[in-house]
Amino acid sequence: MLTRVKESLEKHFASVSIRGDGDSSFVFVEHCRRAVELSWNGTGWWLEFWDSADDENAPAIAERTVGTEAEAVDAIKEWLIRR
């Protein structure tokens, strides 16, 4: 699942990677100093949003859960492209 989402996002963003292992794996996307982490929690897609990707220890400024891959990709594109 994560690989399919990663491949979809690579069409829009240069910095897309899968991080972590096993159940702790997530997609990390960076664009214009913003970042998003996307993971599957067993019942839906969980997203965490940052205004700056520079501080790995900074808390996410927003979180959201969506039900489908398409909703997750749309939410990521909206956050990273929004000015």
N, C-alpha and C. Protein backbone atom coordinates (compact mmCIF):
# COMPACT_ATOMS: atom_id res chain seq x y z
N MET A 1 0.81 -1.21 0.00
CA MET A 1 0.00 0.00 0.00
C MET A 1 0.85 1.27 0.00
N LEU A 2 1.84 1.33 0.90
CA LEU A 2 2.68 2.52 0.98
C LEU A 2 3.45 2.75 -0.31
N THR A 3 3.91 1.68 -0.94
CA THR A 3 4.66 1.81 -2.18
C THR A 3 3.79 2.43 -3.27
N ARG A 4 2.53 2.02 -3.34
CA ARG A 4 1.62 2.57 -4.35
C ARG A 4 1.40 4.06 -4.12
N VAL A 5 1.22 4.47 -2.86
CA VAL A 5 1.05 5.89 -2.54
C VAL A 5 2.32 6.66 -2.86
N LYS A 6 3.47 6.10 -2.50
CA LYS A 6 4.75 6.75 -2.79
C LYS A 6 4.90 6.99 -4.28
N GLU A 7 4.61 5.99 -5.09
CA GLU A 7 4.73 6.13 -6.54
C GLU A 7 3.78 7.19 -7.07
N SER A 8 2.59 7.28 -6.52
CA SER A 8 1.63 8.30 -6.94
C SER A 8 2.15 9.70 -6.61
N LEU A 9 2.73 9.86 -5.42
CA LEU A 9 3.22 11.17 -4.99
C LEU A 9 4.48 11.58 -5.74
N GLU A 10 5.30 10.63 -6.18
CA GLU A 10 6.52 10.95 -6.91
C GLU A 10 6.23 11.65 -8.23
N LYS A 11 5.03 11.54 -8.73
CA LYS A 11 4.64 12.24 -9.95
C LYS A 11 4.52 13.75 -9.71
N HIS A 12 4.37 14.15 -8.44
CA HIS A 12 4.14 15.55 -8.10
C HIS A 12 5.26 16.18 -7.28
N PHE A 13 6.03 15.36 -6.54
CA PHE A 13 7.03 15.88 -5.62
C PHE A 13 8.35 15.14 -5.78
N ALA A 14 9.46 15.86 -5.66
CA ALA A 14 10.78 15.27 -5.84
C ALA A 14 11.26 14.51 -4.60
N SER A 15 10.82 14.93 -3.44
CA SER A 15 11.31 14.32 -2.20
C SER A 15 10.22 13.46 -1.55
N VAL A 16 10.19 12.18 -1.92
CA VAL A 16 9.21 11.23 -1.38
C VAL A 16 9.98 9.97 -0.99
N SER A 17 9.77 9.50 0.24
CA SER A 17 10.48 8.29 0.68
C SER A 17 9.60 7.48 1.63
N ILE A 18 9.94 6.20 1.74
CA ILE A 18 9.32 5.35 2.75
C ILE A 18 10.35 5.19 3.85
N ARG A 19 9.92 5.47 5.07
CA ARG A 19 10.80 5.39 6.23
C ARG A 19 10.22 4.41 7.25
N GLY A 20 11.04 3.98 8.16
CA GLY A 20 10.60 3.05 9.20
C GLY A 20 10.55 1.62 8.69
N ASP A 21 10.15 0.70 9.57
CA ASP A 21 10.11 -0.72 9.25
C ASP A 21 8.78 -1.33 9.67
N GLY A 22 8.32 -2.30 8.89
CA GLY A 22 7.13 -3.06 9.25
C GLY A 22 5.92 -2.19 9.52
N ASP A 23 5.26 -2.43 10.65
CA ASP A 23 4.07 -1.67 11.01
C ASP A 23 4.37 -0.20 11.30
N SER A 24 5.64 0.12 11.49
CA SER A 24 6.04 1.50 11.77
C SER A 24 6.43 2.26 10.51
N SER A 25 6.25 1.67 9.34
CA SER A 25 6.60 2.32 8.08
C SER A 25 5.65 3.46 7.78
N PHE A 26 6.19 4.48 7.11
CA PHE A 26 5.37 5.61 6.70
C PHE A 26 5.98 6.26 5.47
N VAL A 27 5.18 7.01 4.74
CA VAL A 27 5.65 7.79 3.60
C VAL A 27 5.95 9.19 4.11
N PHE A 28 7.11 9.71 3.75
CA PHE A 28 7.51 11.07 4.12
C PHE A 28 7.66 11.87 2.85
N VAL A 29 6.99 13.02 2.79
CA VAL A 29 7.01 13.88 1.60
C VAL A 29 7.40 15.29 2.02
N GLU A 30 8.33 15.89 1.28
CA GLU A 30 8.76 17.26 1.52
C GLU A 30 8.60 18.08 0.26
N HIS A 31 8.19 19.34 0.43
CA HIS A 31 8.08 20.25 -0.71
C HIS A 31 8.02 21.67 -0.17
N CYS A 32 8.87 22.54 -0.70
CA CYS A 32 8.87 23.96 -0.32
C CYS A 32 8.87 24.15 1.19
N ARG A 33 9.74 23.41 1.88
CA ARG A 33 9.94 23.50 3.33
C ARG A 33 8.76 22.98 4.15
N ARG A 34 7.76 22.41 3.53
CA ARG A 34 6.66 21.77 4.26
C ARG A 34 6.87 20.26 4.19
N ALA A 35 6.25 19.54 5.12
CA ALA A 35 6.40 18.09 5.13
C ALA A 35 5.12 17.41 5.61
N VAL A 36 4.97 16.15 5.18
CA VAL A 36 3.83 15.32 5.61
C VAL A 36 4.34 13.90 5.82
N GLU A 37 3.85 13.28 6.89
CA GLU A 37 4.05 11.84 7.10
C GLU A 37 2.71 11.17 6.92
N LEU A 38 2.70 10.04 6.24
CA LEU A 38 1.48 9.28 5.98
C LEU A 38 1.70 7.84 6.39
N SER A 39 0.81 7.33 7.22
CA SER A 39 0.91 5.93 7.61
C SER A 39 -0.49 5.30 7.62
N TRP A 40 -0.51 3.98 7.58
CA TRP A 40 -1.75 3.21 7.63
C TRP A 40 -1.90 2.73 9.07
N ASN A 41 -3.04 3.02 9.71
CA ASN A 41 -3.21 2.62 11.10
C ASN A 41 -4.12 1.40 11.27
N GLY A 42 -4.43 0.72 10.18
CA GLY A 42 -5.27 -0.47 10.25
C GLY A 42 -6.73 -0.21 9.91
N THR A 43 -7.15 1.03 10.10
CA THR A 43 -8.54 1.39 9.78
C THR A 43 -8.64 2.59 8.85
N GLY A 44 -7.53 3.28 8.65
CA GLY A 44 -7.52 4.45 7.78
C GLY A 44 -6.11 4.98 7.63
N TRP A 45 -5.99 6.03 6.87
CA TRP A 45 -4.70 6.68 6.61
C TRP A 45 -4.54 7.84 7.58
N TRP A 46 -3.43 7.86 8.28
CA TRP A 46 -3.15 8.89 9.27
C TRP A 46 -2.08 9.82 8.72
N LEU A 47 -2.37 11.11 8.72
CA LEU A 47 -1.45 12.11 8.19
C LEU A 47 -1.02 13.07 9.30
N GLU A 48 0.25 13.45 9.27
CA GLU A 48 0.79 14.47 10.15
C GLU A 48 1.42 15.54 9.28
N PHE A 49 1.14 16.81 9.58
CA PHE A 49 1.57 17.92 8.74
C PHE A 49 2.51 18.85 9.50
N TRP A 50 3.58 19.32 8.79
CA TRP A 50 4.52 20.28 9.35
C TRP A 50 4.67 21.46 8.41
N ASP A 51 4.87 22.65 8.98
CA ASP A 51 5.16 23.84 8.19
C ASP A 51 6.62 23.89 7.79
N SER A 52 7.49 23.25 8.56
CA SER A 52 8.92 23.22 8.24
C SER A 52 9.44 21.81 8.43
N ALA A 53 10.18 21.34 7.45
CA ALA A 53 10.75 19.99 7.52
C ALA A 53 12.13 20.00 8.17
N ASP A 54 12.59 21.18 8.61
CA ASP A 54 13.95 21.31 9.13
C ASP A 54 14.17 20.67 10.50
N ASP A 55 13.19 20.72 11.37
CA ASP A 55 13.34 20.22 12.74
C ASP A 55 12.62 18.89 12.89
N GLU A 56 13.38 17.80 12.91
CA GLU A 56 12.78 16.46 13.01
C GLU A 56 12.08 16.23 14.33
N ASN A 57 12.39 17.03 15.36
CA ASN A 57 11.79 16.86 16.67
C ASN A 57 10.58 17.76 16.91
N ALA A 58 10.29 18.63 15.97
CA ALA A 58 9.15 19.53 16.12
C ALA A 58 7.85 18.74 16.05
N PRO A 59 6.88 19.11 16.87
CA PRO A 59 5.59 18.42 16.80
C PRO A 59 4.84 18.80 15.52
N ALA A 60 4.02 17.89 15.05
CA ALA A 60 3.18 18.19 13.89
C ALA A 60 2.23 19.32 14.26
N ILE A 61 1.92 20.17 13.30
CA ILE A 61 0.99 21.27 13.61
C ILE A 61 -0.45 20.89 13.32
N ALA A 62 -0.64 19.77 12.62
CA ALA A 62 -2.00 19.28 12.34
C ALA A 62 -1.93 17.78 12.08
N GLU A 63 -3.01 17.11 12.36
CA GLU A 63 -3.15 15.69 12.09
C GLU A 63 -4.52 15.45 11.48
N ARG A 64 -4.62 14.38 10.71
CA ARG A 64 -5.89 14.09 10.05
C ARG A 64 -5.92 12.61 9.69
N THR A 65 -7.09 12.00 9.76
CA THR A 65 -7.27 10.62 9.32
C THR A 65 -8.27 10.63 8.17
N VAL A 66 -7.95 9.88 7.11
CA VAL A 66 -8.85 9.75 5.97
C VAL A 66 -9.02 8.26 5.67
N GLY A 67 -10.05 7.93 4.90
CA GLY A 67 -10.38 6.54 4.67
C GLY A 67 -9.76 5.89 3.45
N THR A 68 -9.33 6.68 2.46
CA THR A 68 -8.84 6.09 1.23
C THR A 68 -7.48 6.65 0.82
N GLU A 69 -6.78 5.91 -0.01
CA GLU A 69 -5.50 6.38 -0.55
C GLU A 69 -5.68 7.68 -1.32
N ALA A 70 -6.73 7.75 -2.11
CA ALA A 70 -6.98 8.94 -2.92
C ALA A 70 -7.17 10.17 -2.03
N GLU A 71 -7.91 10.03 -0.94
CA GLU A 71 -8.10 11.14 -0.01
C GLU A 71 -6.76 11.54 0.62
N ALA A 72 -5.93 10.56 0.93
CA ALA A 72 -4.63 10.83 1.52
C ALA A 72 -3.75 11.61 0.55
N VAL A 73 -3.68 11.16 -0.70
CA VAL A 73 -2.87 11.85 -1.71
C VAL A 73 -3.39 13.26 -1.92
N ASP A 74 -4.70 13.44 -2.00
CA ASP A 74 -5.28 14.78 -2.16
C ASP A 74 -4.93 15.69 -0.98
N ALA A 75 -5.01 15.17 0.24
CA ALA A 75 -4.68 15.96 1.43
C ALA A 75 -3.21 16.37 1.43
N ILE A 76 -2.34 15.47 1.01
CA ILE A 76 -0.91 15.77 0.94
C ILE A 76 -0.66 16.86 -0.10
N LYS A 77 -1.22 16.70 -1.29
CA LYS A 77 -1.03 17.71 -2.33
C LYS A 77 -1.56 19.06 -1.88
N GLU A 78 -2.71 19.09 -1.24
CA GLU A 78 -3.29 20.35 -0.77
C GLU A 78 -2.36 21.02 0.24
N TRP A 79 -1.80 20.27 1.18
CA TRP A 79 -0.93 20.85 2.20
C TRP A 79 0.39 21.34 1.61
N LEU A 80 0.99 20.56 0.74
CA LEU A 80 2.31 20.90 0.25
C LEU A 80 2.30 21.97 -0.84
N ILE A 81 1.22 22.09 -1.55
CA ILE A 81 1.16 23.06 -2.63
C ILE A 81 0.53 24.38 -2.18
N ARG A 82 -0.26 24.32 -1.13
CA ARG A 82 -0.93 25.52 -0.59
C ARG A 82 0.11 26.56 -0.21
N ARG A 83 -0.15 27.76 -0.49
CA ARG A 83 0.79 28.86 -0.15
C ARG A 83 0.22 29.70 0.96
